[in-house]
Amino acid sequence: MKSHLKIALLIMTILSTCMVIWAGFTGRVTIFPFLLGLTMFFSVFQLQLDNRNPKVITFYRVAVAVSCLAVVLGALHIIGRI
C-alpha cells in the first residue's frame, strides 16, 4: 500500500512541476502560488514517507503543515482574483 502511495505522489509531483513550468511560460501568474505550494506539498510529503529517522519526524510534520498552508493560501489567492 505504501509503495502505491509513493508512486502516486511521485506522479503528482512530476505533473505539478510540469504545471508550474507551463504557468511560468504562459504567464498565468494567478495560479502560480497555488501550483508552487502543491508541488512543495507533494515533494515534502514524499520525503516524510521516506524518512527512517525518528528524530526528524517533527521537522517533516511541520514542513508538511507549512506546505499545506501554502496550498490553502494559494487557493485563496486564486479565489480572491475571480
PDB file of N, CA and C in Angstrom:
ATOM      1  N   MET A   1       0.819  -1.194   0.000  1.00  0.00           N
ATOM      2  CA  MET A   1       0.000   0.000   0.000  1.00  0.00           C
ATOM      3  C   MET A   1       0.860   1.254   0.000  1.00  0.00           C
ATOM      4  N   LYS A   2       1.951   1.214   0.787  1.00  0.00           N
ATOM      5  CA  LYS A   2       2.820   2.377   0.876  1.00  0.00           C
ATOM      6  C   LYS A   2       3.541   2.640  -0.441  1.00  0.00           C
ATOM      7  N   SER A   3       3.861   1.574  -1.179  1.00  0.00           N
ATOM      8  CA  SER A   3       4.549   1.762  -2.456  1.00  0.00           C
ATOM      9  C   SER A   3       3.612   2.397  -3.481  1.00  0.00           C
ATOM     10  N   HIS A   4       2.321   2.063  -3.429  1.00  0.00           N
ATOM     11  CA  HIS A   4       1.361   2.689  -4.337  1.00  0.00           C
ATOM     12  C   HIS A   4       1.227   4.180  -4.045  1.00  0.00           C
ATOM     13  N   LEU A   5       1.239   4.529  -2.772  1.00  0.00           N
ATOM     14  CA  LEU A   5       1.165   5.933  -2.380  1.00  0.00           C
ATOM     15  C   LEU A   5       2.406   6.688  -2.836  1.00  0.00           C
ATOM     16  N   LYS A   6       3.567   6.066  -2.708  1.00  0.00           N
ATOM     17  CA  LYS A   6       4.806   6.702  -3.154  1.00  0.00           C
ATOM     18  C   LYS A   6       4.802   6.942  -4.658  1.00  0.00           C
ATOM     19  N   ILE A   7       4.318   5.968  -5.419  1.00  0.00           N
ATOM     20  CA  ILE A   7       4.256   6.118  -6.871  1.00  0.00           C
ATOM     21  C   ILE A   7       3.263   7.208  -7.246  1.00  0.00           C
ATOM     22  N   ALA A   8       2.120   7.233  -6.579  1.00  0.00           N
ATOM     23  CA  ALA A   8       1.127   8.269  -6.857  1.00  0.00           C
ATOM     24  C   ALA A   8       1.671   9.652  -6.521  1.00  0.00           C
ATOM     25  N   LEU A   9       2.383   9.768  -5.401  1.00  0.00           N
ATOM     26  CA  LEU A   9       2.972  11.056  -5.029  1.00  0.00           C
ATOM     27  C   LEU A   9       4.045  11.491  -6.026  1.00  0.00           C
ATOM     28  N   LEU A  10       4.831  10.544  -6.505  1.00  0.00           N
ATOM     29  CA  LEU A  10       5.848  10.867  -7.498  1.00  0.00           C
ATOM     30  C   LEU A  10       5.211  11.369  -8.789  1.00  0.00           C
ATOM     31  N   ILE A  11       4.163  10.699  -9.237  1.00  0.00           N
ATOM     32  CA  ILE A  11       3.476  11.121 -10.456  1.00  0.00           C
ATOM     33  C   ILE A  11       2.835  12.496 -10.275  1.00  0.00           C
ATOM     34  N   MET A  12       2.194  12.720  -9.127  1.00  0.00           N
ATOM     35  CA  MET A  12       1.572  14.026  -8.881  1.00  0.00           C
ATOM     36  C   MET A  12       2.617  15.128  -8.747  1.00  0.00           C
ATOM     37  N   THR A  13       3.775  14.818  -8.169  1.00  0.00           N
ATOM     38  CA  THR A  13       4.854  15.800  -8.075  1.00  0.00           C
ATOM     39  C   THR A  13       5.361  16.172  -9.457  1.00  0.00           C
ATOM     40  N   ILE A  14       5.554  15.188 -10.312  1.00  0.00           N
ATOM     41  CA  ILE A  14       6.016  15.461 -11.677  1.00  0.00           C
ATOM     42  C   ILE A  14       4.991  16.274 -12.444  1.00  0.00           C
ATOM     43  N   LEU A  15       3.714  15.908 -12.321  1.00  0.00           N
ATOM     44  CA  LEU A  15       2.664  16.660 -13.019  1.00  0.00           C
ATOM     45  C   LEU A  15       2.547  18.093 -12.521  1.00  0.00           C
ATOM     46  N   SER A  16       2.621  18.281 -11.211  1.00  0.00           N
ATOM     47  CA  SER A  16       2.516  19.647 -10.690  1.00  0.00           C
ATOM     48  C   SER A  16       3.748  20.474 -11.048  1.00  0.00           C
ATOM     49  N   THR A  17       4.914  19.843 -11.134  1.00  0.00           N
ATOM     50  CA  THR A  17       6.109  20.555 -11.583  1.00  0.00           C
ATOM     51  C   THR A  17       5.963  20.975 -13.041  1.00  0.00           C
ATOM     52  N   CYS A  18       5.407  20.098 -13.860  1.00  0.00           N
ATOM     53  CA  CYS A  18       5.148  20.454 -15.257  1.00  0.00           C
ATOM     54  C   CYS A  18       4.150  21.607 -15.353  1.00  0.00           C
ATOM     55  N   MET A  19       3.149  21.594 -14.482  1.00  0.00           N
ATOM     56  CA  MET A  19       2.171  22.682 -14.481  1.00  0.00           C
ATOM     57  C   MET A  19       2.794  24.000 -14.028  1.00  0.00           C
ATOM     58  N   VAL A  20       3.745  23.950 -13.106  1.00  0.00           N
ATOM     59  CA  VAL A  20       4.462  25.162 -12.693  1.00  0.00           C
ATOM     60  C   VAL A  20       5.242  25.729 -13.873  1.00  0.00           C
ATOM     61  N   ILE A  21       5.917  24.859 -14.608  1.00  0.00           N
ATOM     62  CA  ILE A  21       6.676  25.299 -15.776  1.00  0.00           C
ATOM     63  C   ILE A  21       5.737  25.877 -16.821  1.00  0.00           C
ATOM     64  N   TRP A  22       4.603  25.209 -17.058  1.00  0.00           N
ATOM     65  CA  TRP A  22       3.619  25.704 -18.020  1.00  0.00           C
ATOM     66  C   TRP A  22       3.087  27.069 -17.604  1.00  0.00           C
ATOM     67  N   ALA A  23       2.763  27.227 -16.325  1.00  0.00           N
ATOM     68  CA  ALA A  23       2.240  28.505 -15.835  1.00  0.00           C
ATOM     69  C   ALA A  23       3.288  29.606 -15.952  1.00  0.00           C
ATOM     70  N   GLY A  24       4.536  29.261 -15.757  1.00  0.00           N
ATOM     71  CA  GLY A  24       5.593  30.255 -15.891  1.00  0.00           C
ATOM     72  C   GLY A  24       5.778  30.719 -17.324  1.00  0.00           C
ATOM     73  N   PHE A  25       5.711  29.798 -18.268  1.00  0.00           N
ATOM     74  CA  PHE A  25       5.908  30.164 -19.670  1.00  0.00           C
ATOM     75  C   PHE A  25       4.694  30.873 -20.276  1.00  0.00           C
ATOM     76  N   THR A  26       3.504  30.550 -19.802  1.00  0.00           N
ATOM     77  CA  THR A  26       2.311  31.166 -20.381  1.00  0.00           C
ATOM     78  C   THR A  26       1.881  32.430 -19.658  1.00  0.00           C
ATOM     79  N   GLY A  27       2.516  32.752 -18.550  1.00  0.00           N
ATOM     80  CA  GLY A  27       2.210  33.988 -17.835  1.00  0.00           C
ATOM     81  C   GLY A  27       0.969  33.902 -16.961  1.00  0.00           C
ATOM     82  N   ARG A  28       0.587  32.746 -16.543  1.00  0.00           N
ATOM     83  CA  ARG A  28      -0.576  32.572 -15.668  1.00  0.00           C
ATOM     84  C   ARG A  28      -0.146  32.799 -14.213  1.00  0.00           C
ATOM     85  N   VAL A  29      -0.016  34.062 -13.855  1.00  0.00           N
ATOM     86  CA  VAL A  29       0.526  34.391 -12.540  1.00  0.00           C
ATOM     87  C   VAL A  29      -0.476  34.168 -11.416  1.00  0.00           C
ATOM     88  N   THR A  30      -1.757  34.059 -11.728  1.00  0.00           N
ATOM     89  CA  THR A  30      -2.736  33.867 -10.654  1.00  0.00           C
ATOM     90  C   THR A  30      -2.684  32.460 -10.073  1.00  0.00           C
ATOM     91  N   ILE A  31      -2.340  31.461 -10.874  1.00  0.00           N
ATOM     92  CA  ILE A  31      -2.299  30.089 -10.358  1.00  0.00           C
ATOM     93  C   ILE A  31      -0.897  29.658  -9.928  1.00  0.00           C
ATOM     94  N   PHE A  32       0.079  30.518 -10.154  1.00  0.00           N
ATOM     95  CA  PHE A  32       1.463  30.179  -9.846  1.00  0.00           C
ATOM     96  C   PHE A  32       1.695  29.874  -8.364  1.00  0.00           C
ATOM     97  N   PRO A  33       1.213  30.703  -7.414  1.00  0.00           N
ATOM     98  CA  PRO A  33       1.437  30.376  -5.992  1.00  0.00           C
ATOM     99  C   PRO A  33       0.785  29.061  -5.569  1.00  0.00           C
ATOM    100  N   PHE A  34      -0.405  28.781  -6.096  1.00  0.00           N
ATOM    101  CA  PHE A  34      -1.078  27.530  -5.772  1.00  0.00           C
ATOM    102  C   PHE A  34      -0.279  26.335  -6.276  1.00  0.00           C
ATOM    103  N   LEU A  35       0.198  26.412  -7.513  1.00  0.00           N
ATOM    104  CA  LEU A  35       0.959  25.296  -8.083  1.00  0.00           C
ATOM    105  C   LEU A  35       2.292  25.087  -7.368  1.00  0.00           C
ATOM    106  N   LEU A  36       2.938  26.171  -6.973  1.00  0.00           N
ATOM    107  CA  LEU A  36       4.188  26.030  -6.212  1.00  0.00           C
ATOM    108  C   LEU A  36       3.941  25.377  -4.854  1.00  0.00           C
ATOM    109  N   GLY A  37       2.881  25.788  -4.183  1.00  0.00           N
ATOM    110  CA  GLY A  37       2.541  25.178  -2.896  1.00  0.00           C
ATOM    111  C   GLY A  37       2.178  23.716  -3.042  1.00  0.00           C
ATOM    112  N   LEU A  38       1.462  23.379  -4.106  1.00  0.00           N
ATOM    113  CA  LEU A  38       1.080  21.993  -4.352  1.00  0.00           C
ATOM    114  C   LEU A  38       2.303  21.129  -4.632  1.00  0.00           C
ATOM    115  N   THR A  39       3.225  21.638  -5.434  1.00  0.00           N
ATOM    116  CA  THR A  39       4.454  20.904  -5.717  1.00  0.00           C
ATOM    117  C   THR A  39       5.266  20.710  -4.444  1.00  0.00           C
ATOM    118  N   MET A  40       5.339  21.745  -3.638  1.00  0.00           N
ATOM    119  CA  MET A  40       6.075  21.652  -2.382  1.00  0.00           C
ATOM    120  C   MET A  40       5.408  20.632  -1.448  1.00  0.00           C
ATOM    121  N   PHE A  41       4.084  20.634  -1.394  1.00  0.00           N
ATOM    122  CA  PHE A  41       3.377  19.690  -0.536  1.00  0.00           C
ATOM    123  C   PHE A  41       3.643  18.248  -0.952  1.00  0.00           C
ATOM    124  N   PHE A  42       3.527  17.965  -2.246  1.00  0.00           N
ATOM    125  CA  PHE A  42       3.756  16.599  -2.715  1.00  0.00           C
ATOM    126  C   PHE A  42       5.184  16.135  -2.443  1.00  0.00           C
ATOM    127  N   SER A  43       6.155  16.995  -2.697  1.00  0.00           N
ATOM    128  CA  SER A  43       7.544  16.580  -2.513  1.00  0.00           C
ATOM    129  C   SER A  43       7.905  16.409  -1.042  1.00  0.00           C
ATOM    130  N   VAL A  44       7.436  17.300  -0.182  1.00  0.00           N
ATOM    131  CA  VAL A  44       7.739  17.180   1.251  1.00  0.00           C
ATOM    132  C   VAL A  44       7.015  15.976   1.851  1.00  0.00           C
ATOM    133  N   PHE A  45       5.792  15.720   1.407  1.00  0.00           N
ATOM    134  CA  PHE A  45       5.067  14.557   1.908  1.00  0.00           C
ATOM    135  C   PHE A  45       5.755  13.261   1.488  1.00  0.00           C
ATOM    136  N   GLN A  46       6.297  13.249   0.287  1.00  0.00           N
ATOM    137  CA  GLN A  46       7.048  12.079  -0.167  1.00  0.00           C
ATOM    138  C   GLN A  46       8.329  11.911   0.653  1.00  0.00           C
ATOM    139  N   LEU A  47       8.985  13.005   0.981  1.00  0.00           N
ATOM    140  CA  LEU A  47      10.170  12.924   1.842  1.00  0.00           C
ATOM    141  C   LEU A  47       9.810  12.399   3.229  1.00  0.00           C
ATOM    142  N   GLN A  48       8.648  12.796   3.729  1.00  0.00           N
ATOM    143  CA  GLN A  48       8.219  12.316   5.039  1.00  0.00           C
ATOM    144  C   GLN A  48       7.980  10.809   5.013  1.00  0.00           C
ATOM    145  N   LEU A  49       7.423  10.301   3.921  1.00  0.00           N
ATOM    146  CA  LEU A  49       7.196   8.857   3.831  1.00  0.00           C
ATOM    147  C   LEU A  49       8.505   8.079   3.751  1.00  0.00           C
ATOM    148  N   ASP A  50       9.533   8.672   3.150  1.00  0.00           N
ATOM    149  CA  ASP A  50      10.825   8.003   3.025  1.00  0.00           C
ATOM    150  C   ASP A  50      11.679   8.125   4.278  1.00  0.00           C
ATOM    151  N   ASN A  51      11.241   8.925   5.234  1.00  0.00           N
ATOM    152  CA  ASN A  51      12.024   9.179   6.429  1.00  0.00           C
ATOM    153  C   ASN A  51      12.131   7.927   7.291  1.00  0.00           C
ATOM    154  N   ARG A  52      13.338   7.613   7.701  1.00  0.00           N
ATOM    155  CA  ARG A  52      13.574   6.470   8.590  1.00  0.00           C
ATOM    156  C   ARG A  52      14.074   6.920   9.974  1.00  0.00           C
ATOM    157  N   ASN A  53      14.432   8.185  10.090  1.00  0.00           N
ATOM    158  CA  ASN A  53      14.993   8.704  11.331  1.00  0.00           C
ATOM    159  C   ASN A  53      13.873   9.294  12.200  1.00  0.00           C
ATOM    160  N   PRO A  54      13.627   8.727  13.375  1.00  0.00           N
ATOM    161  CA  PRO A  54      12.543   9.249  14.224  1.00  0.00           C
ATOM    162  C   PRO A  54      12.848  10.616  14.835  1.00  0.00           C
ATOM    163  N   LYS A  55      14.115  11.037  14.805  1.00  0.00           N
ATOM    164  CA  LYS A  55      14.472  12.317  15.404  1.00  0.00           C
ATOM    165  C   LYS A  55      14.010  13.506  14.559  1.00  0.00           C
ATOM    166  N   VAL A  56      13.857  13.308  13.259  1.00  0.00           N
ATOM    167  CA  VAL A  56      13.467  14.419  12.391  1.00  0.00           C
ATOM    168  C   VAL A  56      12.015  14.333  11.935  1.00  0.00           C
ATOM    169  N   ILE A  57      11.240  13.457  12.542  1.00  0.00           N
ATOM    170  CA  ILE A  57       9.844  13.307  12.144  1.00  0.00           C
ATOM    171  C   ILE A  57       9.045  14.571  12.438  1.00  0.00           C
ATOM    172  N   THR A  58       9.364  15.264  13.522  1.00  0.00           N
ATOM    173  CA  THR A  58       8.640  16.501  13.831  1.00  0.00           C
ATOM    174  C   THR A  58       8.966  17.586  12.808  1.00  0.00           C
ATOM    175  N   PHE A  59      10.200  17.601  12.310  1.00  0.00           N
ATOM    176  CA  PHE A  59      10.561  18.571  11.273  1.00  0.00           C
ATOM    177  C   PHE A  59       9.723  18.345  10.018  1.00  0.00           C
ATOM    178  N   TYR A  60       9.576  17.086   9.612  1.00  0.00           N
ATOM    179  CA  TYR A  60       8.795  16.787   8.415  1.00  0.00           C
ATOM    180  C   TYR A  60       7.312  17.086   8.626  1.00  0.00           C
ATOM    181  N   ARG A  61       6.828  16.853   9.823  1.00  0.00           N
ATOM    182  CA  ARG A  61       5.421  17.173  10.104  1.00  0.00           C
ATOM    183  C   ARG A  61       5.176  18.672  10.031  1.00  0.00           C
ATOM    184  N   VAL A  62       6.108  19.446  10.542  1.00  0.00           N
ATOM    185  CA  VAL A  62       5.987  20.904  10.450  1.00  0.00           C
ATOM    186  C   VAL A  62       6.089  21.345   8.991  1.00  0.00           C
ATOM    187  N   ALA A  63       6.996  20.746   8.245  1.00  0.00           N
ATOM    188  CA  ALA A  63       7.156  21.102   6.831  1.00  0.00           C
ATOM    189  C   ALA A  63       5.906  20.750   6.027  1.00  0.00           C
ATOM    190  N   VAL A  64       5.279  19.614   6.320  1.00  0.00           N
ATOM    191  CA  VAL A  64       4.034  19.240   5.633  1.00  0.00           C
ATOM    192  C   VAL A  64       2.920  20.213   6.005  1.00  0.00           C
ATOM    193  N   ALA A  65       2.849  20.606   7.270  1.00  0.00           N
ATOM    194  CA  ALA A  65       1.823  21.558   7.698  1.00  0.00           C
ATOM    195  C   ALA A  65       2.015  22.915   7.020  1.00  0.00           C
ATOM    196  N   VAL A  66       3.255  23.371   6.921  1.00  0.00           N
ATOM    197  CA  VAL A  66       3.532  24.650   6.266  1.00  0.00           C
ATOM    198  C   VAL A  66       3.216  24.572   4.778  1.00  0.00           C
ATOM    199  N   SER A  67       3.554  23.473   4.146  1.00  0.00           N
ATOM    200  CA  SER A  67       3.253  23.341   2.721  1.00  0.00           C
ATOM    201  C   SER A  67       1.749  23.210   2.485  1.00  0.00           C
ATOM    202  N   CYS A  68       1.039  22.577   3.406  1.00  0.00           N
ATOM    203  CA  CYS A  68      -0.419  22.510   3.302  1.00  0.00           C
ATOM    204  C   CYS A  68      -1.019  23.909   3.449  1.00  0.00           C
ATOM    205  N   LEU A  69      -0.473  24.696   4.340  1.00  0.00           N
ATOM    206  CA  LEU A  69      -0.902  26.092   4.489  1.00  0.00           C
ATOM    207  C   LEU A  69      -0.623  26.884   3.223  1.00  0.00           C
ATOM    208  N   ALA A  70       0.497  26.610   2.575  1.00  0.00           N
ATOM    209  CA  ALA A  70       0.823  27.291   1.317  1.00  0.00           C
ATOM    210  C   ALA A  70      -0.177  26.943   0.225  1.00  0.00           C
ATOM    211  N   VAL A  71      -0.632  25.693   0.196  1.00  0.00           N
ATOM    212  CA  VAL A  71      -1.641  25.292  -0.787  1.00  0.00           C
ATOM    213  C   VAL A  71      -2.961  26.017  -0.519  1.00  0.00           C
ATOM    214  N   VAL A  72      -3.352  26.098   0.735  1.00  0.00           N
ATOM    215  CA  VAL A  72      -4.600  26.777   1.088  1.00  0.00           C
ATOM    216  C   VAL A  72      -4.512  28.262   0.748  1.00  0.00           C
ATOM    217  N   LEU A  73      -3.405  28.896   1.078  1.00  0.00           N
ATOM    218  CA  LEU A  73      -3.248  30.313   0.760  1.00  0.00           C
ATOM    219  C   LEU A  73      -3.194  30.555  -0.745  1.00  0.00           C
ATOM    220  N   GLY A  74      -2.590  29.628  -1.480  1.00  0.00           N
ATOM    221  CA  GLY A  74      -2.588  29.733  -2.932  1.00  0.00           C
ATOM    222  C   GLY A  74      -3.979  29.608  -3.511  1.00  0.00           C
ATOM    223  N   ALA A  75      -4.775  28.705  -2.959  1.00  0.00           N
ATOM    224  CA  ALA A  75      -6.168  28.560  -3.419  1.00  0.00           C
ATOM    225  C   ALA A  75      -6.978  29.805  -3.080  1.00  0.00           C
ATOM    226  N   LEU A  76      -6.742  30.368  -1.898  1.00  0.00           N
ATOM    227  CA  LEU A  76      -7.429  31.601  -1.543  1.00  0.00           C
ATOM    228  C   LEU A  76      -7.001  32.760  -2.441  1.00  0.00           C
ATOM    229  N   HIS A  77      -5.775  32.754  -2.866  1.00  0.00           N
ATOM    230  CA  HIS A  77      -5.289  33.774  -3.797  1.00  0.00           C
ATOM    231  C   HIS A  77      -6.014  33.672  -5.136  1.00  0.00           C
ATOM    232  N   ILE A  78      -6.228  32.453  -5.598  1.00  0.00           N
ATOM    233  CA  ILE A  78      -6.965  32.249  -6.856  1.00  0.00           C
ATOM    234  C   ILE A  78      -8.424  32.698  -6.692  1.00  0.00           C
ATOM    235  N   ILE A  79      -9.043  32.322  -5.588  1.00  0.00           N
ATOM    236  CA  ILE A  79     -10.442  32.688  -5.363  1.00  0.00           C
ATOM    237  C   ILE A  79     -10.603  34.202  -5.238  1.00  0.00           C
ATOM    238  N   GLY A  80      -9.645  34.837  -4.628  1.00  0.00           N
ATOM    239  CA  GLY A  80      -9.696  36.286  -4.481  1.00  0.00           C
ATOM    240  C   GLY A  80      -9.570  37.027  -5.793  1.00  0.00           C
ATOM    241  N   ARG A  81      -8.984  36.400  -6.797  1.00  0.00           N
ATOM    242  CA  ARG A  81      -8.800  37.033  -8.105  1.00  0.00           C
ATOM    243  C   ARG A  81     -10.023  36.915  -9.001  1.00  0.00           C
ATOM    244  N   ILE A  82     -10.944  36.010  -8.665  1.00  0.00           N
ATOM    245  CA  ILE A  82     -12.115  35.803  -9.537  1.00  0.00           C
ATOM    246  C   ILE A  82     -13.115  36.917  -9.366  1.00  0.00           C
TER     247      ILE A  82
END
